[in-house]
Protein backbone atom coordinates (compact mmCIF):
# COMPACT_ATOMS: atom_id res chain seq x y z
CA UNK A 1 -19.74 6.15 -35.03
CA UNK A 2 -18.47 9.54 -35.11
CA UNK A 3 -17.56 9.26 -32.20
CA UNK A 4 -15.19 6.39 -33.45
CA UNK A 5 -13.93 8.21 -37.07
CA UNK A 6 -13.30 11.06 -34.67
CA UNK A 7 -10.82 8.81 -32.29
CA UNK A 8 -9.48 6.94 -35.57
CA UNK A 9 -8.40 10.58 -36.98
CA UNK A 10 -6.74 11.81 -33.74
CA UNK A 11 -4.59 9.02 -33.84
CA UNK A 12 -3.45 8.91 -37.91
CA UNK A 13 -2.48 12.77 -37.06
CA UNK A 14 0.22 11.85 -35.66
CA UNK A 15 2.93 11.91 -38.44
CA UNK A 16 6.29 11.49 -36.10
CA UNK A 17 8.85 8.52 -36.14
CA UNK A 18 9.06 5.52 -34.37
CA UNK A 19 11.38 2.60 -34.36
CA UNK A 20 12.28 0.90 -37.30
CA UNK A 21 10.74 -2.62 -37.72
CA UNK A 22 14.37 -4.66 -36.49
CA UNK A 23 14.34 -2.14 -34.01
CA UNK A 24 12.97 -2.25 -29.77
CA UNK A 25 10.22 1.06 -29.31
CA UNK A 26 11.63 2.88 -26.16
CA UNK A 27 9.82 3.92 -23.62
CA UNK A 28 10.02 6.91 -24.30
CA UNK A 29 8.39 6.25 -27.57
CA UNK A 30 5.93 4.18 -25.58
CA UNK A 31 5.10 7.00 -23.72
CA UNK A 32 4.30 9.36 -26.08
CA UNK A 33 1.87 7.19 -28.04
CA UNK A 34 0.08 6.03 -24.90
CA UNK A 35 -0.26 10.49 -24.21
CA UNK A 36 -1.54 11.10 -28.05
CA UNK A 37 -3.67 8.07 -27.10
CA UNK A 38 -5.46 8.93 -24.27
CA UNK A 39 -6.19 12.40 -25.45
CA UNK A 40 -8.08 11.20 -28.62
CA UNK A 41 -9.77 8.47 -26.21
CA UNK A 42 -10.54 11.81 -23.45
CA UNK A 43 -12.24 13.31 -26.33
CA UNK A 44 -14.08 11.24 -26.96
CA UNK A 45 -15.45 9.60 -23.83
CA UNK A 46 -17.02 10.60 -21.14
CA UNK A 47 -14.58 9.99 -17.65
CA UNK A 48 -16.18 9.83 -14.13
CA UNK A 49 -15.29 13.00 -12.34
CA UNK A 50 -17.02 12.00 -8.79
CA UNK A 51 -14.05 13.16 -6.57
CA UNK A 52 -14.64 10.27 -3.94
CA UNK A 53 -14.37 7.58 -7.46
CA UNK A 54 -11.73 9.17 -8.47
CA UNK A 55 -9.77 9.52 -4.67
CA UNK A 56 -10.25 5.80 -3.95
CA UNK A 57 -9.88 4.46 -7.34
CA UNK A 58 -6.31 6.46 -6.53
CA UNK A 59 -5.57 5.04 -3.71
CA UNK A 60 -5.42 1.71 -4.99
CA UNK A 61 -3.68 2.27 -7.50
CA UNK A 62 -0.84 4.19 -5.11
CA UNK A 63 -1.31 1.04 -3.25
CA UNK A 64 -0.41 -1.52 -6.70
CA UNK A 65 2.26 0.55 -7.77
CA UNK A 66 4.34 0.67 -3.77
CA UNK A 67 3.90 -3.13 -3.78
CA UNK A 68 5.34 -3.11 -7.82
CA UNK A 69 7.70 -0.40 -7.89
CA UNK A 70 7.97 0.46 -11.88
CA UNK A 71 10.39 3.68 -12.73
CA UNK A 72 9.90 3.68 -15.96
CA UNK A 73 6.11 4.13 -16.55
CA UNK A 74 3.70 7.09 -13.81
CA UNK A 75 0.54 4.53 -14.06
CA UNK A 76 -2.60 6.14 -13.69
CA UNK A 77 -5.97 5.52 -13.73
CA UNK A 78 -9.14 6.68 -15.39
CA UNK A 79 -12.51 5.37 -14.91
CA UNK A 80 -15.64 6.01 -17.87
CA UNK A 81 -18.29 6.89 -17.69
CA UNK A 82 -19.66 4.02 -19.44
CA UNK A 83 -22.03 1.40 -18.58
CA UNK A 84 -19.76 -2.27 -20.38
CA UNK A 85 -17.65 -4.44 -18.67
CA UNK A 86 -14.43 -3.14 -19.31
CA UNK A 87 -10.99 -2.13 -19.31
CA UNK A 88 -8.32 -1.61 -21.54
CA UNK A 89 -4.43 -0.43 -20.60
CA UNK A 90 -2.64 1.79 -23.87
CA UNK A 91 1.39 2.03 -23.49
CA UNK A 92 3.42 3.96 -21.29
CA UNK A 93 0.58 3.49 -18.30
CA UNK A 94 -2.80 5.09 -19.22
CA UNK A 95 -4.83 2.62 -17.78
CA UNK A 96 -9.61 3.07 -18.32
CA UNK A 97 -11.26 1.23 -15.99
CA UNK A 98 -15.32 1.54 -16.92
CA UNK A 99 -17.60 1.65 -15.02
CA UNK A 100 -19.99 -1.37 -16.41
CA UNK A 101 -17.21 -2.61 -14.57
CA UNK A 102 -16.93 -1.67 -11.07
CA UNK A 103 -20.44 -2.06 -10.58
CA UNK A 104 -20.35 -6.05 -12.03
CA UNK A 105 -18.21 -7.14 -9.23
CA UNK A 106 -18.59 -7.36 -5.94
CA UNK A 107 -15.50 -6.79 -3.30
CA UNK A 108 -12.50 -4.45 -3.61
CA UNK A 109 -9.85 -7.88 -4.63
CA UNK A 110 -11.32 -8.10 -7.44
CA UNK A 111 -11.02 -4.82 -8.49
CA UNK A 112 -7.54 -4.41 -8.16
CA UNK A 113 -7.08 -7.65 -9.66
CA UNK A 114 -7.94 -6.30 -12.76
CA UNK A 115 -6.11 -2.99 -11.89
CA UNK A 116 -2.77 -5.41 -11.25
CA UNK A 117 -3.73 -7.35 -15.16
CA UNK A 118 -4.22 -4.41 -17.05
CA UNK A 119 -0.42 -3.07 -15.37
CA UNK A 120 0.94 -5.84 -15.84
CA UNK A 121 0.27 -5.64 -19.57
CA UNK A 122 1.80 -2.40 -19.63
CA UNK A 123 4.60 -3.80 -17.15
CA UNK A 124 6.00 -6.20 -19.33
CA UNK A 125 5.61 -4.41 -22.13
CA UNK A 126 3.19 -6.70 -24.49
CA UNK A 127 1.44 -3.46 -26.60
CA UNK A 128 4.95 -2.22 -27.64
CA UNK A 129 6.23 -5.78 -28.11
CA UNK A 130 2.45 -6.47 -30.74
CA UNK A 131 4.22 -2.89 -32.07
CA UNK A 132 7.57 -4.21 -33.21
CA UNK A 133 6.27 -7.43 -34.07
CA UNK A 134 3.83 -6.25 -36.66
CA UNK A 135 6.91 -4.15 -37.91
CA UNK A 136 5.18 -1.20 -38.47
CA UNK A 137 7.68 2.05 -39.22
CA UNK A 138 5.98 5.30 -38.18
CA UNK A 139 3.33 7.34 -35.59
CA UNK A 140 1.23 6.67 -38.32
CA UNK A 141 0.96 4.00 -38.34
CA UNK A 142 0.70 3.00 -35.03
CA UNK A 143 -1.82 5.57 -34.22
CA UNK A 144 -4.24 3.25 -36.52
CA UNK A 145 -3.38 0.22 -35.21
CA UNK A 146 -3.45 1.16 -31.50
CA UNK A 147 -7.13 3.15 -33.13
CA UNK A 148 -8.24 -0.34 -34.31
CA UNK A 149 -6.98 -2.76 -30.81
CA UNK A 150 -8.82 0.37 -28.70
CA UNK A 151 -12.39 0.19 -30.93
CA UNK A 152 -12.61 -2.92 -30.27
CA UNK A 153 -12.37 -2.45 -26.48
CA UNK A 154 -14.88 0.72 -26.92
CA UNK A 155 -17.68 -0.53 -29.11
CA UNK A 156 -17.32 -3.83 -28.15
CA UNK A 157 -16.52 -4.90 -31.50
CA UNK A 158 -13.70 -5.81 -32.19
CA UNK A 159 -14.67 -6.59 -36.77
CA UNK A 160 -15.56 -2.63 -36.05
CA UNK A 161 -11.27 -2.31 -35.16
CA UNK A 162 -10.27 -3.65 -38.01
CA UNK A 163 -12.86 -2.47 -40.70
CA UNK A 164 -12.24 0.81 -39.76
CA UNK A 165 -8.45 0.38 -39.48
CA UNK A 166 -7.78 -1.20 -42.78
CA UNK A 167 -8.86 2.64 -43.47
CA UNK A 168 -6.03 3.45 -42.16
CA UNK A 169 -1.98 3.52 -42.76
CA UNK A 170 -2.30 -0.21 -40.63
CA UNK A 171 -4.03 -1.87 -43.18
CA UNK A 172 -4.39 -6.11 -42.17
CA UNK A 173 -1.50 -5.22 -38.60
CA UNK A 174 -3.98 -4.71 -36.03
CA UNK A 175 -5.00 -8.06 -35.89
CA UNK A 176 -1.25 -8.90 -34.28
CA UNK A 177 -1.50 -6.34 -31.60
CA UNK A 178 -4.57 -7.97 -29.66
CA UNK A 179 -3.04 -9.71 -27.14
CA UNK A 180 -2.40 -13.05 -27.64
CA UNK A 181 -3.33 -16.11 -24.56
CA UNK A 182 0.53 -16.50 -24.06
CA UNK A 183 0.53 -12.13 -23.65
CA UNK A 184 -3.01 -12.91 -20.80
CA UNK A 185 -0.96 -15.51 -19.35
CA UNK A 186 1.73 -13.42 -18.51
CA UNK A 187 -0.02 -10.77 -17.05
CA UNK A 188 -2.06 -12.70 -15.37
CA UNK A 189 1.88 -14.22 -12.91
CA UNK A 190 2.51 -10.08 -13.08
CA UNK A 191 -0.90 -9.74 -11.94
CA UNK A 192 -0.68 -12.46 -9.28
CA UNK A 193 2.59 -10.92 -7.96
CA UNK A 194 1.32 -7.88 -7.91
CA UNK A 195 -1.66 -8.63 -5.66
CA UNK A 196 0.16 -10.96 -3.16
CA UNK A 197 2.78 -8.45 -2.72
CA UNK A 198 0.23 -6.27 -1.80
CA UNK A 199 -1.63 -8.21 0.81
CA UNK A 200 -4.80 -9.06 -0.90
CA UNK A 201 -5.44 -12.93 -2.38
CA UNK A 202 -5.79 -14.48 -5.82
CA UNK A 203 -8.82 -16.33 -5.58
CA UNK A 204 -10.52 -12.62 -5.95
CA UNK A 205 -8.83 -12.33 -9.06
CA UNK A 206 -9.41 -15.61 -10.31
CA UNK A 207 -13.47 -14.69 -9.25
CA UNK A 208 -13.44 -11.88 -11.67
CA UNK A 209 -13.09 -14.00 -14.57
CA UNK A 210 -15.02 -16.93 -14.12
CA UNK A 211 -17.47 -15.24 -13.54
CA UNK A 212 -16.84 -13.86 -16.57
CA UNK A 213 -15.32 -16.95 -18.39
CA UNK A 214 -19.33 -18.33 -17.44
CA UNK A 215 -21.14 -14.56 -18.40
CA UNK A 216 -19.99 -16.19 -22.07
CA UNK A 217 -20.87 -19.39 -21.62
CA UNK A 218 -23.42 -20.01 -20.36
CA UNK A 219 -26.20 -17.24 -19.81
CA UNK A 220 -24.99 -14.97 -22.63
CA UNK A 221 -25.37 -15.24 -26.78
CA UNK A 222 -22.26 -12.35 -26.60
CA UNK A 223 -19.13 -12.76 -23.92
CA UNK A 224 -18.76 -9.67 -21.75
CA UNK A 225 -16.58 -6.58 -23.80
CA UNK A 226 -13.44 -7.47 -21.74
CA UNK A 227 -12.87 -10.65 -22.63
CA UNK A 228 -13.58 -9.25 -26.47
CA UNK A 229 -9.71 -7.49 -26.07
CA UNK A 230 -8.82 -10.06 -23.45
CA UNK A 231 -9.25 -13.81 -24.77
CA UNK A 232 -9.39 -16.76 -22.04
CA UNK A 233 -9.66 -20.39 -21.74
CA UNK A 234 -10.21 -22.89 -20.04
CA UNK A 235 -6.58 -23.36 -19.12
CA UNK A 236 -5.55 -19.73 -17.90
CA UNK A 237 -9.01 -20.11 -16.21
CA UNK A 238 -7.14 -22.88 -14.96
CA UNK A 239 -3.06 -21.72 -14.71
CA UNK A 240 -4.95 -18.73 -12.76
CA UNK A 241 -6.75 -21.34 -10.18
CA UNK A 242 -3.07 -23.58 -9.85
CA UNK A 243 -0.65 -20.04 -9.26
CA UNK A 244 -3.82 -20.08 -6.19
CA UNK A 245 -3.27 -23.70 -4.86
CA UNK A 246 0.63 -23.91 -5.11
CA UNK A 247 1.45 -20.84 -3.90
CA UNK A 248 -1.17 -20.39 -0.90
CA UNK A 249 -1.50 -16.90 0.73
CA UNK A 250 -3.58 -16.07 3.22
CA UNK A 251 -6.70 -13.75 3.34
CA UNK A 252 -5.85 -9.87 4.16
CA UNK A 253 -9.18 -9.60 6.21
CA UNK A 254 -10.23 -5.41 4.80
CA UNK A 255 -12.77 -2.88 5.22
CA UNK A 256 -14.55 -3.68 1.85
CA UNK A 257 -17.40 -0.57 2.54
CA UNK A 258 -15.04 1.70 0.48
CA UNK A 259 -15.55 -0.59 -2.04
CA UNK A 260 -19.83 -0.66 -1.94
CA UNK A 261 -20.38 2.21 -1.00
CA UNK A 262 -18.17 3.89 -4.71
CA UNK A 263 -20.08 0.88 -6.88
CA UNK A 264 -23.80 2.60 -4.97
CA UNK A 265 -21.79 5.97 -5.95
CA UNK A 266 -21.19 5.07 -9.99
CA UNK A 267 -25.37 3.32 -10.20
CA UNK A 268 -26.74 6.34 -8.08
CA UNK A 269 -24.54 9.30 -10.21
CA UNK A 270 -23.88 7.26 -13.81
CA UNK A 271 -26.68 5.00 -15.03
CA UNK A 272 -30.09 5.73 -16.69
CA UNK A 273 -31.97 6.71 -13.60
CA UNK A 274 -34.15 4.22 -14.38
CA UNK A 275 -31.99 1.66 -14.07
CA UNK A 276 -30.60 2.05 -11.53
CA UNK A 277 -33.53 2.56 -9.27
CA UNK A 278 -34.89 -0.82 -10.24
CA UNK A 279 -31.73 -2.03 -9.04
CA UNK A 280 -31.60 -0.29 -5.25
CA UNK A 281 -35.00 -1.25 -4.85
CA UNK A 282 -34.70 -5.17 -6.67
CA UNK A 283 -31.72 -5.52 -3.68
CA UNK A 284 -34.72 -3.72 -0.47
CA UNK A 285 -36.59 -6.75 -1.43
CA UNK A 286 -34.61 -8.53 -0.70
CA UNK A 287 -33.61 -6.92 2.88
CA UNK A 288 -35.23 -3.96 3.50
CA UNK A 289 -32.23 -2.93 5.30
CA UNK A 290 -29.72 -2.93 3.05
CA UNK A 291 -27.89 0.30 3.47
CA UNK A 292 -25.98 0.52 0.80
CA UNK A 293 -29.03 0.40 -1.62
CA UNK A 294 -30.80 3.86 0.86
CA UNK A 295 -27.30 5.07 0.08
CA UNK A 296 -27.82 4.77 -3.67
CA UNK A 297 -31.37 6.26 -3.44
CA UNK A 298 -30.61 8.56 -1.64
CA UNK A 299 -27.88 9.76 -3.71
CA UNK A 300 -30.81 8.79 -7.15
CA UNK A 301 -33.31 11.73 -5.28
CA UNK A 302 -30.49 14.43 -5.11
CA UNK A 303 -29.74 13.16 -8.01
CA UNK A 304 -32.82 14.59 -9.61
CA UNK A 305 -32.93 17.65 -6.70
CA UNK A 306 -35.22 16.21 -5.05
CA UNK A 307 -33.31 17.03 -1.01
CA UNK A 308 -36.85 16.15 1.07
CA UNK A 309 -36.76 12.49 0.15
CA UNK A 310 -32.83 12.35 -0.44
CA UNK A 311 -33.06 13.50 3.24
CA UNK A 312 -35.68 11.29 4.65
CA UNK A 313 -34.18 8.25 2.48
CA UNK A 314 -30.13 9.45 4.65
CA UNK A 315 -32.50 10.36 8.43
CA UNK A 316 -33.80 5.99 7.73
CA UNK A 317 -31.29 5.06 7.54
CA UNK A 318 -28.65 6.88 10.23
CA UNK A 319 -28.59 3.57 12.54
CA UNK A 320 -28.33 1.30 9.98
CA UNK A 321 -24.86 3.23 7.91
CA UNK A 322 -21.93 1.28 10.21
CA UNK A 323 -19.20 3.22 9.03
CA UNK A 324 -17.54 5.90 7.40
CA UNK A 325 -20.18 7.84 8.94
CA UNK A 326 -18.25 11.15 7.38
CA UNK A 327 -19.86 11.12 3.90
CA UNK A 328 -23.26 10.74 6.30
CA UNK A 329 -23.02 13.98 6.89
CA UNK A 330 -22.20 15.65 4.15
CA UNK A 331 -25.14 14.45 1.62
CA UNK A 332 -27.41 15.01 4.78
CA UNK A 333 -25.35 18.33 4.67
CA UNK A 334 -26.31 18.93 1.10
CA UNK A 335 -29.30 18.70 1.58
CA UNK A 336 -30.10 20.57 4.24
CA UNK A 337 -27.94 23.35 2.04
CA UNK A 338 -30.38 23.09 -0.87
CA UNK A 339 -33.45 23.51 0.95
CA UNK A 340 -32.53 26.28 2.92
CA UNK A 341 -31.86 25.25 5.82
CA UNK A 342 -27.84 26.36 6.45
CA UNK A 343 -27.16 26.42 9.96
CA UNK A 344 -27.78 22.74 9.90
CA UNK A 345 -25.47 22.25 6.96
CA UNK A 346 -22.54 24.20 7.65
CA UNK A 347 -22.62 22.43 11.09
CA UNK A 348 -23.01 18.65 9.90
CA UNK A 349 -20.17 19.86 6.92
CA UNK A 350 -18.27 21.30 9.64
CA UNK A 351 -18.71 17.69 11.21
CA UNK A 352 -17.93 15.67 7.96
CA UNK A 353 -14.52 17.95 7.38
CA UNK A 354 -13.21 17.56 10.75
CA UNK A 355 -13.18 13.46 10.17
CA UNK A 356 -12.32 14.30 6.93
CA UNK A 357 -10.73 17.68 6.30
CA UNK A 358 -9.75 17.71 2.80
CA UNK A 359 -12.82 15.65 1.37
CA UNK A 360 -14.03 18.09 -2.03
CA UNK A 361 -17.28 17.96 -2.28
CA UNK A 362 -18.02 18.54 1.62
CA UNK A 363 -15.50 21.77 0.64
CA UNK A 364 -17.74 23.32 -2.01
CA UNK A 365 -20.95 23.16 -0.29
CA UNK A 366 -19.15 24.77 2.81
CA UNK A 367 -18.31 27.13 0.46
CA UNK A 368 -21.79 27.12 -1.62
CA UNK A 369 -22.80 27.72 2.10
CA UNK A 370 -20.93 30.68 3.83
CA UNK A 371 -21.98 32.49 -0.36
CA UNK A 372 -25.77 32.30 0.31
CA UNK A 373 -25.04 33.06 4.41
CA UNK A 374 -23.08 36.39 2.65
CA UNK A 375 -20.38 35.13 3.81
CA UNK A 376 -18.07 36.27 1.42
CA UNK A 377 -14.85 35.47 3.17
CA UNK A 378 -15.63 32.46 4.42
CA UNK A 379 -16.51 30.98 0.99
CA UNK A 380 -13.14 32.80 -0.33
CA UNK A 381 -11.01 31.17 2.35
CA UNK A 382 -12.33 27.74 1.79
CA UNK A 383 -12.87 27.72 -2.22
CA UNK A 384 -10.11 28.88 -2.96
CA UNK A 385 -8.17 26.57 -1.29
CA UNK A 386 -10.15 23.66 -2.98
CA UNK A 387 -9.15 24.68 -6.32
CA UNK A 388 -5.07 25.08 -5.86
CA UNK A 389 -5.38 21.30 -5.12
CA UNK A 390 -8.11 20.58 -7.62
CA UNK A 391 -7.48 23.79 -10.43
CA UNK A 392 -10.33 21.58 -12.44
CA UNK A 393 -13.44 21.88 -10.11
CA UNK A 394 -15.88 23.48 -12.59
CA UNK A 395 -18.45 24.12 -9.67
CA UNK A 396 -15.58 25.32 -7.09
CA UNK A 397 -14.41 27.69 -9.70
CA UNK A 398 -17.84 29.06 -10.04
CA UNK A 399 -18.73 29.50 -6.50
CA UNK A 400 -15.13 30.95 -5.82
CA UNK A 401 -15.59 33.74 -8.98
CA UNK A 402 -19.00 34.41 -7.32
CA UNK A 403 -18.06 35.74 -4.29
CA UNK A 404 -15.24 37.28 -5.46
CA UNK A 405 -17.54 39.37 -7.14
CA UNK A 406 -19.88 39.77 -4.40
CA UNK A 407 -16.78 41.16 -2.48
CA UNK A 408 -16.12 43.43 -5.88
CA UNK A 409 -13.39 41.86 -6.69
CA UNK A 410 -14.23 41.91 -10.21
CA UNK A 411 -11.06 41.13 -12.17
CA UNK A 412 -10.46 38.03 -9.76
CA UNK A 413 -14.03 36.85 -10.55
CA UNK A 414 -13.98 36.86 -14.34
CA UNK A 415 -10.69 34.57 -13.87
CA UNK A 416 -12.57 31.70 -12.23
CA UNK A 417 -16.12 32.47 -14.03
CA UNK A 418 -14.18 32.10 -17.40
CA UNK A 419 -11.93 29.32 -16.17
CA UNK A 420 -15.51 27.23 -14.73
CA UNK A 421 -17.35 27.80 -18.00
CA UNK A 422 -14.45 26.85 -19.64
CA UNK A 423 -14.16 23.81 -18.21
CA UNK A 424 -18.37 23.38 -18.40
CA UNK A 425 -17.57 23.95 -22.12
CA UNK A 426 -19.50 26.65 -22.89
CA UNK A 427 -16.73 29.09 -24.72
CA UNK A 428 -18.49 31.67 -25.95
CA UNK A 429 -19.36 32.20 -21.73
CA UNK A 430 -15.79 31.63 -21.25
CA UNK A 431 -13.95 33.39 -23.77
CA UNK A 432 -15.89 36.90 -22.35
CA UNK A 433 -14.46 36.61 -19.03
CA UNK A 434 -11.64 35.33 -19.80
CA UNK A 435 -10.90 38.69 -21.80
CA UNK A 436 -12.48 40.99 -18.78
CA UNK A 437 -9.65 39.41 -16.86
CA UNK A 438 -6.31 39.45 -18.81
CA UNK A 439 -7.72 42.59 -19.54
CA UNK A 440 -8.11 43.73 -15.57
CA UNK A 441 -4.87 42.10 -14.01
CA UNK A 442 -2.21 43.90 -14.29
CA UNK A 443 -1.11 44.43 -10.97
CA UNK A 444 -1.17 40.86 -10.54
CA UNK A 445 0.51 39.50 -13.69
CA UNK A 446 0.38 35.47 -12.71
CA UNK A 447 -2.99 36.04 -12.77
CA UNK A 448 -2.68 37.64 -15.70
CA UNK A 449 -0.97 34.81 -17.56
CA UNK A 450 -3.98 31.78 -15.82
CA UNK A 451 -6.23 34.16 -17.82
CA UNK A 452 -4.08 34.37 -20.92
CA UNK A 453 -3.73 30.75 -21.09
CA UNK A 454 -6.85 29.90 -20.34
CA UNK A 455 -8.06 32.03 -23.05
CA UNK A 456 -5.00 31.19 -25.55
CA UNK A 457 -6.53 27.51 -25.26
CA UNK A 458 -10.42 28.43 -26.29
CA UNK A 459 -9.40 31.38 -28.69
CA UNK A 460 -7.64 29.90 -31.87
CA UNK A 461 -4.57 32.61 -32.17
CA UNK A 462 -4.73 35.49 -35.26
CA UNK A 463 -2.39 34.75 -37.89
CA UNK A 464 0.57 37.25 -38.39
CA UNK A 465 0.90 39.94 -41.26
CA UNK A 466 3.35 37.27 -43.27
CA UNK A 467 0.59 34.70 -42.56
CA UNK A 468 -2.00 35.63 -43.83
CA UNK A 469 -0.57 37.22 -46.69
CA UNK A 470 0.28 34.09 -48.12
CA UNK A 471 -2.96 32.86 -46.70
CA UNK A 472 -4.85 35.78 -48.94
CA UNK A 473 -2.80 35.10 -52.27
CA UNK A 474 -4.00 31.41 -52.15
CA UNK A 475 -6.93 31.82 -51.88
């Protein structure tokens, strides 16, 4: 409840005016609302930070945006670390998929169907239209309304969202923000056009909604969370089927191994451990040679720092793993690294990077391998490349700081250690190292500026003499 209230307050702190009720909201205003809304969401909901998952989802998004170019919006997809079956789009193109949605699916086509559907809500400006219809006249009102809509999506309870919104400037207008059946059918049609342009078969999109509809009707007293904010009906299901029948498309053959690998990683690395273990055991009971179940068990063992067991599972997996061998080599290399077999770890990670040179996790692991062998120059070279491309990688920043420190470059080391602690939420340690970096980087102005910026973000600026005097008078 505290998270939800904080989310509402974050929205309602906005005060900029928006268009009058008789004016259409501009795209710029819509993007502003979406950007602020996503900041509030990001502050309250944990996001998946697995590089493989992020890269995979971004790759699909790129394929879909290429299929229907839209210069108004820059679509940005994120995966929330929540096990519910849900997804939502914010004004301006910020789209959040929930981990539970992805793990409930069978193939990539189903996933891109939901992604295309959410993109279509943005493309057709459904939220902007609802805001205009409600007669909202201020950002605070709009913020409360969007908060109310999201609260239903995040908490699985639209009533909760509406109740809290009643206490904001939005009043009862929240109900007017919910997507109508017409909105949903238009988004379905838009998704159909995007999917077919990207080469996917629309039957996969139909499969996802049909599964949720059956769950709602037959196996669960409460519907999947996604259906609470995206109302469905038999008519809508029939309309999707009609699209598939009336405009047939040849089924595109694609390799589903990447989807299955990402689905497995999400279960193994983010689901509760006992739940993930039960899932993989059940799959192996049906098929003792299921490669993804074995891969999941290996990742689960590695998650618990049981690298010997993880390596054993990966060895069993070798003859069964048919696609993307580089990911198997990477996992084996990480196990070897943590078991102290640095020579073998280096060989396996090099082998992985020969196939995928920019693999983030493999690069970080190779940097750690060099670091533990006292090959500091090699470690700095590899880790600096990661940090340059992925500045928010806390592990890479930490390891780079350690390598620089061993080389006697204490000020640069302090910068990267400070950034790592800041990214990990350890503000006291971050402040200590960033202050040292600012003091020691006088001969490197760009790095000093970077350290000062990071320090300012975690240390509120002290008031100037005039403000301090005014505050004293107020007191």
